[in-house]
Protein backbone atom coordinates (compact mmCIF):
# COMPACT_ATOMS: atom_id res chain seq x y z
CA MET A 1 -38.81 5.23 3.03
CA THR A 2 -36.42 2.33 2.48
CA PRO A 3 -32.93 3.58 1.52
CA GLN A 4 -31.95 2.71 -2.05
CA PRO A 5 -28.48 1.38 -2.97
CA PRO A 6 -26.27 3.60 -5.09
CA ALA A 7 -26.87 3.05 -8.79
CA GLY A 8 -25.08 -0.05 -10.02
CA GLN A 9 -23.76 -1.08 -6.60
CA PRO A 10 -24.66 -4.69 -5.77
CA PRO A 11 -25.84 -5.75 -2.32
CA ALA A 12 -23.15 -6.33 0.27
CA ASP A 13 -21.99 -9.79 1.24
CA LEU A 14 -21.24 -8.56 4.77
CA LEU A 15 -22.36 -5.42 6.59
CA ILE A 16 -21.12 -4.56 10.07
CA ARG A 17 -22.67 -1.90 12.30
CA ALA A 18 -20.37 -0.96 15.18
CA ALA A 19 -19.55 1.69 17.73
CA ALA A 20 -16.47 2.66 15.72
CA VAL A 21 -14.83 1.60 12.48
CA HIS A 22 -11.26 2.88 12.53
CA MET A 23 -10.18 3.26 8.91
CA LEU A 24 -6.56 4.13 9.84
CA VAL A 25 -6.54 6.66 7.00
CA PRO A 26 -5.00 10.04 7.95
CA GLY A 27 -7.65 12.68 8.51
CA GLU A 28 -10.54 10.23 8.39
CA PRO A 29 -12.67 10.00 11.56
CA PRO A 30 -14.18 6.71 12.72
CA ARG A 31 -17.23 5.43 10.88
CA ARG A 32 -20.13 3.41 12.24
CA ALA A 33 -20.81 0.96 9.42
CA ILE A 34 -18.74 -0.92 6.83
CA ALA A 35 -19.86 -2.97 3.81
CA VAL A 36 -17.97 -5.76 2.08
CA THR A 37 -18.60 -7.25 -1.38
CA ASP A 38 -16.50 -9.77 -3.31
CA GLY A 39 -13.67 -9.63 -0.78
CA ARG A 40 -13.31 -5.83 -0.87
CA VAL A 41 -14.45 -2.94 1.28
CA THR A 42 -17.15 -1.22 -0.78
CA ALA A 43 -18.55 1.47 1.50
CA LEU A 44 -18.32 3.08 4.94
CA SER A 45 -20.78 5.33 6.71
CA PRO A 46 -20.74 7.65 9.75
CA ALA A 47 -24.23 6.41 10.64
CA PRO A 48 -24.87 2.85 11.82
CA ASP A 49 -27.82 2.55 9.41
CA GLY A 50 -26.15 4.49 6.63
CA LEU A 51 -25.45 1.42 4.52
CA ASP A 52 -28.71 -0.41 5.03
CA ALA A 53 -29.55 0.14 1.36
CA LEU A 54 -26.85 -2.39 0.58
CA ILE A 55 -28.60 -5.17 2.48
CA GLY A 56 -29.81 -7.87 0.12
CA PRO A 57 -31.35 -11.29 0.65
CA ASP A 58 -27.94 -12.91 1.12
CA THR A 59 -26.21 -10.17 3.12
CA GLU A 60 -24.79 -11.17 6.49
CA VAL A 61 -25.56 -8.32 8.86
CA VAL A 62 -23.51 -8.06 12.05
CA ASP A 63 -24.99 -5.75 14.65
CA ALA A 64 -22.22 -4.97 17.14
CA PRO A 65 -23.19 -1.63 18.70
CA GLY A 66 -20.58 -1.93 21.46
CA SER A 67 -17.75 -3.19 19.28
CA THR A 68 -14.88 -1.66 17.33
CA VAL A 69 -13.67 -2.57 13.85
CA LEU A 70 -9.99 -2.34 12.86
CA PRO A 71 -8.02 -3.68 9.92
CA ALA A 72 -6.77 -7.22 10.43
CA PHE A 73 -3.26 -7.25 11.84
CA ASP A 74 -0.03 -8.43 10.23
CA ASP A 75 2.59 -10.42 12.09
CA THR A 76 5.58 -9.28 10.06
CA HIS A 77 8.09 -11.69 11.57
CA THR A 78 6.83 -15.07 12.66
CA HIS A 79 7.15 -18.76 11.81
CA LEU A 80 3.85 -20.26 10.72
CA VAL A 81 5.51 -23.37 9.27
CA LEU A 82 7.21 -24.05 12.62
CA ALA A 83 3.89 -23.50 14.40
CA ALA A 84 2.27 -26.02 12.09
CA HIS A 85 5.01 -28.58 12.81
CA SER A 86 4.55 -28.04 16.54
CA VAL A 87 0.80 -27.83 16.83
CA HIS A 88 0.41 -31.52 17.78
CA GLY A 89 3.60 -31.75 19.85
CA VAL A 90 3.79 -32.61 23.55
CA PRO A 91 2.48 -29.37 25.15
CA VAL A 92 5.51 -28.70 27.33
CA HIS A 93 4.79 -24.95 27.20
CA ARG A 94 2.19 -25.66 29.88
CA ALA A 95 4.73 -27.07 32.33
CA ARG A 96 5.94 -24.99 35.27
CA ASP A 97 8.82 -27.23 36.35
CA LEU A 98 10.92 -30.05 34.95
CA ALA A 99 8.93 -32.69 36.77
CA GLY A 100 5.79 -31.58 34.96
CA PHE A 101 7.72 -31.19 31.70
CA LEU A 102 9.03 -34.76 31.84
CA ALA A 103 5.67 -36.13 32.99
CA LEU A 104 4.05 -34.78 29.80
CA ILE A 105 6.68 -36.57 27.71
CA ARG A 106 6.21 -39.76 29.71
CA GLU A 107 2.45 -39.59 29.15
CA ARG A 108 2.91 -39.20 25.40
CA ALA A 109 5.40 -42.08 25.33
CA ALA A 110 2.87 -44.35 27.03
CA ARG A 111 0.52 -44.02 24.05
CA THR A 112 3.10 -43.85 21.26
CA PRO A 113 4.41 -47.01 19.54
CA ALA A 114 8.02 -47.78 20.44
CA GLY A 115 10.53 -46.37 17.98
CA GLU A 116 8.38 -43.43 16.89
CA TRP A 117 9.73 -39.94 17.43
CA ILE A 118 8.25 -37.82 20.20
CA ARG A 119 8.43 -34.08 19.66
CA THR A 120 7.41 -31.19 21.87
CA THR A 121 5.83 -27.85 21.24
CA ILE A 122 8.46 -25.20 20.69
CA ASN A 123 6.99 -22.06 22.26
CA TRP A 124 8.49 -22.30 25.74
CA GLN A 125 11.42 -20.84 27.67
CA GLU A 126 13.51 -22.75 30.18
CA VAL A 127 13.86 -19.65 32.37
CA LEU A 128 10.12 -19.83 33.03
CA LEU A 129 10.50 -23.29 34.59
CA ALA A 130 11.15 -23.47 38.33
CA GLU A 131 14.64 -24.86 37.70
CA GLN A 132 15.34 -22.26 34.97
CA ARG A 133 17.20 -24.71 32.77
CA MET A 134 16.71 -27.17 29.94
CA PRO A 135 16.25 -30.88 30.59
CA THR A 136 19.25 -33.11 29.92
CA THR A 137 19.67 -36.29 27.91
CA GLU A 138 19.77 -38.25 31.16
CA GLU A 139 16.45 -36.78 32.32
CA LEU A 140 14.82 -37.40 28.94
CA ASP A 141 16.06 -40.99 29.03
CA ALA A 142 14.30 -41.35 32.39
CA ALA A 143 11.05 -40.38 30.63
CA THR A 144 11.53 -42.89 27.80
CA THR A 145 14.29 -44.92 26.19
CA ASP A 146 11.89 -46.60 23.76
CA HIS A 147 11.45 -43.49 21.62
CA PRO A 148 13.76 -40.86 20.14
CA VAL A 149 12.77 -37.60 21.86
CA LEU A 150 13.24 -34.15 20.36
CA VAL A 151 12.70 -31.25 22.75
CA ARG A 152 12.83 -28.07 20.71
CA ARG A 153 12.80 -24.49 21.95
CA GLY A 154 12.40 -22.00 19.13
CA ALA A 155 14.07 -22.62 15.78
CA TYR A 156 17.68 -23.05 16.85
CA ASN A 157 17.73 -24.93 20.18
CA MET A 158 17.20 -28.65 20.73
CA VAL A 159 17.70 -31.23 23.47
CA LEU A 160 17.74 -34.92 22.51
CA ASN A 161 17.57 -38.14 24.44
CA SER A 162 20.11 -40.88 23.80
CA ALA A 163 18.02 -42.62 21.16
CA ALA A 164 17.68 -39.42 19.16
CA LEU A 165 21.38 -38.61 19.48
CA ARG A 166 22.24 -42.04 18.11
CA LEU A 167 19.94 -41.61 15.11
CA ALA A 168 21.49 -38.20 14.39
CA GLY A 169 25.00 -39.68 14.61
CA ILE A 170 26.06 -37.35 17.41
CA THR A 171 28.59 -38.90 19.81
CA ASP A 172 31.09 -37.78 22.41
CA ALA A 173 33.61 -37.41 19.58
CA SER A 174 31.38 -35.15 17.44
CA GLU A 175 32.67 -31.68 16.71
CA ALA A 176 30.30 -28.74 16.33
CA PRO A 177 30.08 -27.23 12.85
CA PRO A 178 30.97 -23.56 12.31
CA GLY A 179 28.14 -21.48 13.75
CA GLY A 180 26.88 -24.32 15.95
CA VAL A 181 27.22 -25.60 19.51
CA ILE A 182 27.16 -29.19 20.80
CA GLU A 183 26.88 -28.58 24.52
CA ARG A 184 28.88 -30.59 27.04
CA ASP A 185 28.91 -30.55 30.83
CA GLU A 186 31.92 -29.81 33.04
CA ARG A 187 33.14 -33.41 32.57
CA GLY A 188 32.94 -33.18 28.78
CA ARG A 189 29.83 -35.34 28.44
CA LEU A 190 27.02 -34.52 26.03
CA THR A 191 24.09 -32.77 27.69
CA GLY A 192 21.94 -33.41 24.62
CA ARG A 193 21.63 -29.72 23.76
CA LEU A 194 22.33 -28.51 20.22
CA ILE A 195 22.35 -24.84 19.19
CA ASN A 196 22.15 -23.09 15.82
CA ARG A 197 23.84 -25.04 12.98
CA ALA A 198 24.46 -28.05 15.21
CA VAL A 199 20.77 -28.95 14.77
CA GLU A 200 21.23 -29.75 11.07
CA PRO A 201 22.09 -33.48 11.51
CA VAL A 202 18.85 -33.91 13.45
CA GLU A 203 16.81 -32.22 10.74
CA ARG A 204 18.20 -34.73 8.23
CA VAL A 205 17.01 -37.81 10.14
CA LEU A 206 13.62 -36.61 11.37
CA PRO A 207 10.83 -38.54 9.67
CA SER A 208 8.79 -36.40 7.32
CA PRO A 209 5.07 -36.08 8.08
CA THR A 210 2.65 -36.84 5.27
CA LEU A 211 1.30 -34.03 3.13
CA ALA A 212 -2.11 -34.46 4.75
CA GLU A 213 -0.54 -34.09 8.20
CA ARG A 214 1.33 -30.98 7.08
CA ILE A 215 -1.83 -29.40 5.71
CA ASP A 216 -3.71 -30.27 8.89
CA GLY A 217 -0.99 -28.55 10.92
CA LEU A 218 -1.18 -25.42 8.78
CA ARG A 219 -4.95 -25.38 9.03
CA ALA A 220 -4.84 -25.52 12.83
CA ALA A 221 -1.95 -23.10 13.25
CA SER A 222 -3.26 -20.48 10.83
CA ALA A 223 -6.68 -20.63 12.49
CA ASP A 224 -4.98 -19.96 15.83
CA TYR A 225 -3.27 -16.88 14.39
CA ALA A 226 -6.59 -15.62 13.01
CA ALA A 227 -8.25 -16.13 16.39
CA THR A 228 -5.91 -13.48 17.83
CA GLY A 229 -6.73 -10.89 15.15
CA ILE A 230 -3.94 -11.64 12.68
CA GLY A 231 -4.87 -11.72 9.01
CA THR A 232 -1.44 -11.87 7.36
CA VAL A 233 1.80 -13.53 8.44
CA ARG A 234 5.26 -12.90 7.07
CA ASP A 235 6.87 -16.29 7.68
CA CYS A 236 10.59 -15.70 7.99
CA LEU A 237 11.99 -19.23 7.86
CA VAL A 238 10.28 -21.27 5.14
CA PRO A 239 12.32 -24.22 3.80
CA VAL A 240 12.17 -23.93 0.02
CA GLU A 241 10.65 -27.41 -0.29
CA ASP A 242 7.79 -26.31 1.98
CA LEU A 243 6.55 -23.84 -0.63
CA ASP A 244 4.79 -26.80 -2.23
CA VAL A 245 3.18 -27.65 1.11
CA LEU A 246 1.92 -24.09 1.50
CA ASP A 247 0.65 -24.22 -2.07
CA ALA A 248 -1.26 -27.43 -1.35
CA ALA A 249 -2.70 -25.92 1.83
CA ARG A 250 -3.87 -22.89 -0.13
CA ALA A 251 -5.50 -25.15 -2.73
CA GLU A 252 -7.44 -26.94 0.01
CA GLY A 253 -8.55 -23.68 1.63
CA ALA A 254 -6.55 -24.55 4.74
CA LEU A 255 -4.82 -21.16 5.15
CA ALA A 256 -6.90 -18.93 7.39
CA VAL A 257 -4.39 -16.08 6.94
CA ARG A 258 -2.47 -14.58 4.05
CA VAL A 259 1.16 -15.74 3.90
CA ARG A 260 4.20 -13.78 2.76
CA ALA A 261 7.05 -16.31 2.67
CA LEU A 262 10.75 -15.71 3.18
CA VAL A 263 12.66 -18.78 2.09
CA SER A 264 15.33 -19.85 4.55
CA GLY A 265 18.84 -19.20 3.30
CA PHE A 266 20.50 -20.46 6.48
CA ALA A 267 21.79 -23.63 4.84
CA ALA A 268 23.02 -21.85 1.70
CA ARG A 269 26.68 -21.20 2.52
CA THR A 270 28.31 -21.09 -0.90
CA PRO A 271 27.51 -19.13 -4.06
CA GLU A 272 26.45 -22.37 -5.73
CA GLN A 273 24.03 -23.17 -2.90
CA VAL A 274 22.55 -19.67 -3.02
CA ASP A 275 22.10 -19.98 -6.79
CA ALA A 276 20.42 -23.37 -6.41
CA LEU A 277 17.98 -21.87 -3.88
CA LEU A 278 17.22 -18.96 -6.20
CA ASP A 279 16.69 -21.32 -9.14
CA ARG A 280 13.88 -23.00 -7.21
CA MET A 281 12.38 -19.65 -6.27
CA ASP A 282 12.57 -18.46 -9.88
CA ALA A 283 10.72 -21.60 -10.95
CA TRP A 284 7.93 -20.76 -8.49
CA ARG A 285 7.72 -17.24 -9.95
CA ALA A 286 7.76 -18.55 -13.52
CA ASP A 287 4.85 -20.87 -12.70
CA GLY A 288 2.77 -17.85 -11.66
CA ARG A 289 1.91 -19.36 -8.30
CA ASP A 290 1.94 -16.08 -6.37
CA ASP A 291 -1.44 -14.64 -5.48
CA ASP A 292 -2.93 -12.44 -2.78
CA ARG A 293 -3.30 -15.38 -0.42
CA LEU A 294 0.23 -16.82 -0.74
CA ARG A 295 3.18 -14.81 -2.00
CA LEU A 296 6.88 -15.63 -2.13
CA TRP A 297 8.54 -12.54 -0.67
CA GLY A 298 12.29 -13.22 -0.67
CA VAL A 299 15.15 -14.85 1.25
CA LYS A 300 16.02 -14.85 4.96
CA PHE A 301 19.61 -14.92 6.21
CA GLY A 302 21.06 -14.42 9.69
CA ILE A 303 24.18 -12.44 10.57
CA ASP A 304 24.35 -13.56 14.22
CA GLY A 305 22.64 -15.69 16.86
CA GLY A 306 19.94 -14.92 19.40
CA PHE A 307 19.81 -14.66 23.18
CA GLU A 308 22.90 -16.78 23.75
CA ALA A 309 24.82 -15.91 20.57
CA GLY A 310 23.89 -12.41 19.38
CA ALA A 311 27.09 -10.63 18.30
CA LEU A 312 28.02 -7.80 20.69
CA GLU A 313 30.64 -5.06 20.68
CA GLU A 314 31.20 -5.59 24.42
CA PRO A 315 31.51 -9.05 26.01
CA TYR A 316 28.71 -11.07 27.53
CA GLN A 317 28.00 -10.71 31.22
CA GLY A 318 30.46 -12.86 33.18
CA GLN A 319 32.17 -14.04 29.96
CA PRO A 320 34.95 -11.53 29.30
CA CYS A 321 36.21 -13.36 26.21
CA TYR A 322 32.82 -14.06 24.59
CA HIS A 323 31.12 -11.57 22.25
CA GLY A 324 28.56 -13.86 20.61
CA ARG A 325 28.85 -15.27 17.11
CA LEU A 326 28.82 -13.89 13.59
CA LEU A 327 27.37 -16.52 11.28
CA TRP A 328 28.81 -15.02 8.07
CA GLU A 329 31.99 -13.37 6.98
CA PRO A 330 30.87 -9.94 5.73
CA ASP A 331 32.25 -10.42 2.21
CA GLU A 332 30.49 -13.76 1.88
CA LEU A 333 27.14 -12.34 3.06
CA LEU A 334 27.59 -9.45 0.64
CA GLU A 335 27.92 -11.86 -2.25
CA ALA A 336 24.92 -13.89 -1.10
CA VAL A 337 22.69 -10.82 -0.74
CA ASP A 338 23.95 -9.46 -4.06
CA ARG A 339 22.97 -12.68 -5.80
CA VAL A 340 19.46 -12.47 -4.35
CA VAL A 341 18.76 -8.86 -5.31
CA ARG A 342 20.21 -9.36 -8.82
CA ARG A 343 17.47 -11.96 -9.36
CA GLY A 344 14.83 -9.43 -8.28
CA TRP A 345 14.11 -10.89 -4.84
CA ARG A 346 14.12 -9.16 -1.45
CA VAL A 347 16.23 -10.00 1.59
CA GLY A 348 15.55 -10.01 5.33
CA VAL A 349 18.53 -10.56 7.61
CA HIS A 350 18.37 -11.43 11.32
CA ALA A 351 20.58 -9.11 13.40
CA TRP A 352 20.27 -9.24 17.20
CA GLY A 353 23.39 -7.75 18.81
CA ASP A 354 24.90 -4.33 18.13
CA ARG A 355 27.99 -5.83 16.46
CA GLY A 356 25.75 -7.98 14.28
CA LEU A 357 23.72 -4.93 13.29
CA ARG A 358 26.85 -2.88 12.54
CA VAL A 359 28.24 -5.58 10.25
CA LEU A 360 24.88 -6.03 8.54
CA LEU A 361 24.50 -2.31 7.85
CA ASP A 362 28.01 -2.33 6.37
CA VAL A 363 26.90 -5.14 4.04
CA PHE A 364 23.63 -3.42 3.13
CA GLU A 365 25.44 -0.15 2.37
CA ARG A 366 27.80 -1.99 0.01
CA VAL A 367 24.82 -3.67 -1.70
CA LEU A 368 23.13 -0.30 -2.21
CA LYS A 369 26.30 1.13 -3.73
CA ARG A 370 26.38 -1.77 -6.18
CA HIS A 371 22.71 -1.31 -7.02
CA PRO A 372 21.83 2.40 -7.00
CA GLY A 373 18.10 2.88 -7.24
CA LEU A 374 17.28 -0.44 -5.57
CA ALA A 375 13.57 -0.44 -4.72
CA PRO A 376 12.78 0.64 -1.15
CA GLY A 377 12.14 -2.31 1.15
CA THR A 378 14.36 -4.69 -0.81
CA LEU A 379 16.71 -4.98 2.19
CA VAL A 380 15.19 -5.44 5.64
CA VAL A 381 16.69 -5.74 9.12
CA GLU A 382 14.90 -8.47 11.05
CA HIS A 383 14.86 -7.54 14.78
CA GLY A 384 17.68 -4.98 15.03
CA GLY A 385 17.43 -5.76 18.74
CA LEU A 386 20.31 -3.81 20.29
CA ALA A 387 20.45 -0.76 18.02
CA ARG A 388 22.76 2.08 19.05
CA PRO A 389 21.90 5.68 18.05
CA ASP A 390 24.52 5.77 15.29
CA GLN A 391 23.19 2.49 13.88
CA ARG A 392 19.61 3.73 13.90
CA ALA A 393 20.73 6.86 12.06
CA ARG A 394 22.51 4.72 9.45
CA ALA A 395 19.49 2.49 8.91
CA VAL A 396 17.18 5.49 8.48
CA ALA A 397 19.61 7.23 6.12
CA LEU A 398 19.89 4.06 4.02
CA GLY A 399 16.10 3.63 3.97
CA ILE A 400 16.26 0.19 5.60
CA PRO A 401 12.99 -0.97 7.27
CA VAL A 402 13.17 -2.85 10.58
CA THR A 403 10.83 -5.52 11.94
CA VAL A 404 10.52 -5.55 15.75
CA GLN A 405 8.89 -8.08 18.06
CA HIS A 406 7.99 -7.17 21.63
CA PRO A 407 6.60 -10.68 22.36
CA LEU A 408 10.14 -11.95 21.79
CA LEU A 409 11.42 -9.56 24.46
CA HIS A 410 8.49 -10.42 26.72
CA ASP A 411 9.26 -14.13 26.87
CA GLY A 412 13.02 -13.81 26.54
CA ALA A 413 13.84 -10.99 28.96
CA LEU A 414 15.05 -13.24 31.78
CA ALA A 415 17.23 -15.31 29.47
CA GLN A 416 18.66 -12.17 27.90
CA GLN A 417 19.39 -10.58 31.27
CA ARG A 418 21.41 -13.66 32.19
CA ALA A 419 23.51 -13.30 29.07
CA TRP A 420 23.74 -9.53 28.63
CA GLY A 421 22.77 -7.98 31.95
CA GLU A 422 19.83 -5.75 32.74
CA GLU A 423 21.09 -2.57 31.06
CA ARG A 424 21.58 -4.01 27.60
CA THR A 425 18.38 -6.04 27.84
CA ALA A 426 16.43 -2.89 28.69
CA ALA A 427 17.92 -1.23 25.60
CA LEU A 428 16.43 -3.83 23.22
CA PHE A 429 13.85 -2.61 20.72
CA PRO A 430 14.11 1.17 21.21
CA LEU A 431 10.77 1.74 19.50
CA ARG A 432 10.28 5.33 20.66
CA GLU A 433 13.63 6.35 19.23
CA TRP A 434 13.21 4.43 15.98
CA LEU A 435 9.89 6.13 15.26
CA ASP A 436 11.02 9.60 16.30
CA GLU A 437 14.05 9.24 14.03
CA GLY A 438 11.93 8.33 11.00
CA ALA A 439 12.36 4.57 10.59
CA LEU A 440 9.83 2.37 8.83
CA LEU A 441 9.09 0.01 11.70
CA THR A 442 6.73 -2.98 11.68
CA GLY A 443 5.53 -5.30 14.41
CA GLY A 444 5.51 -9.04 14.86
CA SER A 445 5.98 -11.84 17.38
CA ASP A 446 8.90 -14.07 16.34
CA PHE A 447 6.80 -17.03 17.48
CA PRO A 448 7.80 -19.55 18.76
CA VAL A 449 10.15 -17.47 20.92
CA GLY A 450 7.35 -15.01 21.68
CA PRO A 451 3.58 -15.52 21.68
CA TYR A 452 1.70 -14.40 18.59
CA GLY A 453 -1.36 -12.22 18.96
CA ALA A 454 -2.47 -8.80 17.81
CA MET A 455 -3.22 -7.15 21.13
CA VAL A 456 -0.65 -8.91 23.30
CA SER A 457 1.91 -7.28 21.02
CA VAL A 458 0.25 -3.86 21.29
CA TRP A 459 0.09 -4.25 25.07
CA GLY A 460 3.79 -5.02 25.24
CA MET A 461 4.84 -2.12 23.04
CA THR A 462 2.81 0.32 25.13
CA THR A 463 3.86 -1.00 28.56
CA ARG A 464 7.24 -2.74 27.97
CA GLY A 465 5.94 -5.49 30.24
CA THR A 466 7.93 -8.75 30.21
CA THR A 467 8.42 -11.88 32.29
CA ALA A 468 11.16 -9.89 34.08
CA GLY A 469 8.81 -6.97 34.82
CA VAL A 470 8.77 -3.64 33.01
CA VAL A 471 11.97 -3.36 30.97
CA GLY A 472 13.13 -0.14 29.29
CA PRO A 473 9.95 1.92 29.83
CA GLU A 474 11.51 4.92 28.09
CA HIS A 475 11.15 3.04 24.79
CA ARG A 476 7.35 2.73 25.01
CA ILE A 477 5.13 3.94 22.18
CA ASP A 478 1.42 4.75 22.28
CA ARG A 479 -1.24 2.30 21.22
CA ALA A 480 -2.15 4.08 17.96
CA GLU A 481 1.51 3.82 16.94
CA ALA A 482 1.67 0.18 18.00
CA ILE A 483 -1.46 -0.65 16.00
CA ALA A 484 0.01 1.14 12.96
CA LEU A 485 3.14 -1.05 13.20
CA HIS A 486 0.91 -4.09 12.62
CA THR A 487 -1.37 -2.58 9.96
CA VAL A 488 -0.44 0.51 7.93
CA ASN A 489 3.33 0.14 8.33
CA ALA A 490 3.18 -3.62 7.78
CA ALA A 491 1.40 -3.18 4.46
CA ARG A 492 4.04 -0.63 3.41
CA LEU A 493 6.77 -3.16 4.18
CA THR A 494 5.21 -5.79 1.93
CA GLY A 495 4.40 -3.21 -0.77
CA GLU A 496 0.64 -3.65 -0.38
CA ASP A 497 -0.39 -0.39 1.28
CA THR A 498 -2.82 0.45 -1.55
CA VAL A 499 -4.90 -2.65 -0.80
CA ARG A 500 -4.14 -3.64 2.80
CA GLY A 501 -3.46 -2.10 6.20
CA SER A 502 -6.37 0.35 6.23
CA LEU A 503 -10.11 0.19 5.66
CA ARG A 504 -11.01 2.26 2.62
CA PRO A 505 -13.23 1.55 -0.37
CA GLY A 506 -11.43 -0.81 -2.73
CA ALA A 507 -9.12 -2.28 -0.08
CA PHE A 508 -9.13 -5.97 0.72
CA ALA A 509 -11.77 -6.77 3.31
CA ASP A 510 -9.28 -7.88 5.97
CA LEU A 511 -10.74 -6.70 9.25
CA THR A 512 -11.24 -7.51 12.91
CA VAL A 513 -14.11 -6.86 15.32
CA TRP A 514 -13.21 -6.22 18.98
CA PRO A 515 -15.50 -6.20 22.05
CA LEU A 516 -13.61 -3.13 23.35
CA ASP A 517 -12.00 -0.23 21.54
CA PRO A 518 -8.26 -1.01 21.64
CA LEU A 519 -7.48 2.68 21.19
CA ASP A 520 -9.03 3.79 24.47
CA CYS A 521 -9.82 0.75 26.64
CA PRO A 522 -7.80 0.26 29.86
CA VAL A 523 -4.28 -0.65 28.79
CA ASP A 524 -4.17 -3.79 30.93
CA ALA A 525 -7.22 -5.09 29.06
CA LEU A 526 -5.16 -5.27 25.87
CA ARG A 527 -3.02 -8.16 27.07
CA ASP A 528 -5.82 -10.73 26.92
CA LEU A 529 -8.07 -8.98 24.38
CA LEU A 530 -9.22 -11.21 21.54
CA PRO A 531 -11.41 -10.37 18.56
CA SER A 532 -14.95 -11.62 18.29
CA ARG A 533 -14.48 -11.91 14.53
CA THR A 534 -11.62 -11.94 12.05
CA VAL A 535 -12.35 -11.49 8.35
CA VAL A 536 -9.80 -12.10 5.56
CA ASN A 537 -10.69 -11.30 1.96
CA GLY A 538 -14.30 -10.91 3.00
CA ARG A 539 -14.47 -14.41 4.50
CA THR A 540 -14.94 -14.88 8.23
CA VAL A 541 -12.03 -17.03 9.39
CA HIS A 542 -12.69 -16.66 13.13
CA ASN A 543 -15.99 -16.06 14.89
CA SER A 544 -16.30 -16.47 18.64
């Protein structure tokens, strides 16, 4: 007898039969079939044929008897907009030495009209090149003098050739702004490298791509995220003007993933500038432009720098007078954060070194005293890299969530060891301790510093593998915990745990299908494991 659908339940749009469907709901065992209708999970069954009654003439049936279904993953700290800018850049991340790096730039210059900017991809690390250093202005000039060249590594590091330096107005007489570095060699000459706030003059002279080019970049970059199993990104550095670009990309169906946007507050240094930023965000909210696909989450600030500038209690290795850099005076950051939360927005603040984290927790505690009853998750520590036991205890007691990114440690371990030494580098991201002590912890990549990808992140959290070998193995967590950081916990952070992060009837149909079961396959298989299918809101956005 043909099974009959439950009374009133329409046929499914998508039905998947699998070896296991992990709901990630406490107490619920794996199922064998899952049905999706109108973008929502509508039914699950312990039997692979238990939902066959929901098959209609238009139902897509996926028979995957050897596969495993999990919720789609969140990357809770990444930079989709930067990825979209970089997606068509010179692919220097493929180079293994400076000769190859410069050859790629020379090749691009040969087919680029003179005077046009040449930009590189941004997801590379100089310590992974044979020479373990950045190129210089002189070397970039040897590749081309007919084009301004911007070599960018991550969000806060650039190297420019002479033509680009001229356009940015940076000369031998230029002084670095507060919180920035204009690097010079031992003879006082410009090397071409700019760090942190010193990049701002370059940003002002870069030609703006067309809206169509921006949308194309977001289409390609978001599809790449989805191909690794990611269904939602929390973009932690969105220029406020780029909200309109994201909006246009959503309207064209170009976003393969959901986006939760943190507007960059890095350039807002005065109360008036913070208020101007918030006015633009309030206008977005008043227009009702938030939806489940694209949501404006809050504001991102930074208390200190990264690998080379994270604020430490003890000095840097080999630099007895250098402790990194604080980017804000505590009282000024307090007033900025206070302005944001008074408008009803949330705040994520980058803190990398232990001194940076201490100062940030001081600020957050003062904010909470000003605003008793502030909603949980309003204040978030981004990274919390070097977190001492007393700082972890403070964060947990204050109810402050923390986003962590093993891919950042994976790619950056060698650079961090140079700056901090092996002991402090091994202490980064103490995941085991954070979880045991009761923190709300979520996982991400911090692309472009680390590679994005669902299972490469899980692999790293469970092995502590990096480019410098296994680092801090005592901080490992198990794979179920690592998966939860990217699913259940991530949805709690964004306040969406009733509709995302697990697979239960009524939840959004954001799911992934894997050729192996990530919960019990060989751990080394996780590093390169990719989904055969990624589904967001019931729509297949990746299918290999």
